[in-house]
């Protein structure tokens, strides 16, 4: 672990959505045109991922 950390190769799980995708998801939700279920299908992620993305967006704003 120390060697991996020193080489910068110690990483957790990669995000399911890129920052650009996450911003797009948030904008679609804010527009009120899509439900959470529709966003799940559009972005091929789970419901909890959608809620987490929305929570991160709220935390940035407020």
Protein backbone atom coordinates (compact mmCIF):
# COMPACT_ATOMS: atom_id res chain seq x y z
CA UNK A 1 0.00 0.00 0.00
CA UNK A 2 2.82 2.41 0.83
CA UNK A 3 4.48 1.75 -2.52
CA UNK A 4 1.22 2.24 -4.43
CA UNK A 5 0.49 5.46 -2.54
CA UNK A 6 4.00 6.75 -3.25
CA UNK A 7 3.55 6.07 -6.96
CA UNK A 8 0.13 7.72 -6.97
CA UNK A 9 -1.67 4.54 -7.96
CA UNK A 10 -3.87 4.13 -4.93
CA UNK A 11 -7.39 4.95 -6.02
CA UNK A 12 -10.91 4.16 -5.00
CA UNK A 13 -13.79 3.31 -7.29
CA UNK A 14 -14.07 5.54 -10.33
CA UNK A 15 -17.18 7.78 -10.62
CA UNK A 16 -20.09 6.46 -12.68
CA UNK A 17 -20.76 9.91 -14.17
CA UNK A 18 -18.27 12.38 -15.54
CA UNK A 19 -18.53 15.97 -14.25
CA UNK A 20 -20.11 16.95 -17.56
CA UNK A 21 -22.71 14.15 -17.35
CA UNK A 22 -23.46 15.05 -13.75
CA UNK A 23 -24.03 18.70 -14.67
CA UNK A 24 -26.34 17.62 -17.50
CA UNK A 25 -28.30 15.34 -15.14
CA UNK A 26 -28.73 18.18 -12.64
CA UNK A 27 -29.89 20.60 -15.34
CA UNK A 28 -32.45 18.09 -16.66
CA UNK A 29 -33.79 17.53 -13.15
CA UNK A 30 -33.90 21.26 -12.42
CA UNK A 31 -35.91 21.85 -15.61
CA UNK A 32 -38.53 19.47 -14.25
CA UNK A 33 -38.86 17.60 -17.52
CA UNK A 34 -37.67 14.20 -16.25
CA UNK A 35 -38.42 12.04 -13.24
CA UNK A 36 -35.72 10.32 -11.20
CA UNK A 37 -36.60 7.02 -12.88
CA UNK A 38 -36.21 8.54 -16.33
CA UNK A 39 -32.83 10.00 -15.36
CA UNK A 40 -31.75 6.55 -14.14
CA UNK A 41 -32.52 5.08 -17.55
CA UNK A 42 -31.03 7.95 -19.53
CA UNK A 43 -27.69 7.81 -17.74
CA UNK A 44 -27.66 4.05 -16.98
CA UNK A 45 -27.08 4.56 -13.27
CA UNK A 46 -28.93 3.61 -10.10
CA UNK A 47 -31.41 5.75 -8.21
CA UNK A 48 -28.90 6.36 -5.41
CA UNK A 49 -26.34 7.68 -7.91
CA UNK A 50 -28.89 10.18 -9.21
CA UNK A 51 -29.74 11.34 -5.68
CA UNK A 52 -26.03 11.61 -4.79
CA UNK A 53 -25.38 13.77 -7.87
CA UNK A 54 -28.29 16.05 -6.96
CA UNK A 55 -27.07 16.32 -3.36
CA UNK A 56 -23.55 17.27 -4.53
CA UNK A 57 -25.03 19.96 -6.78
CA UNK A 58 -27.05 21.36 -3.85
CA UNK A 59 -23.96 21.36 -1.64
CA UNK A 60 -22.01 23.37 -4.24
CA UNK A 61 -24.74 26.00 -4.50
CA UNK A 62 -25.61 26.37 -0.84
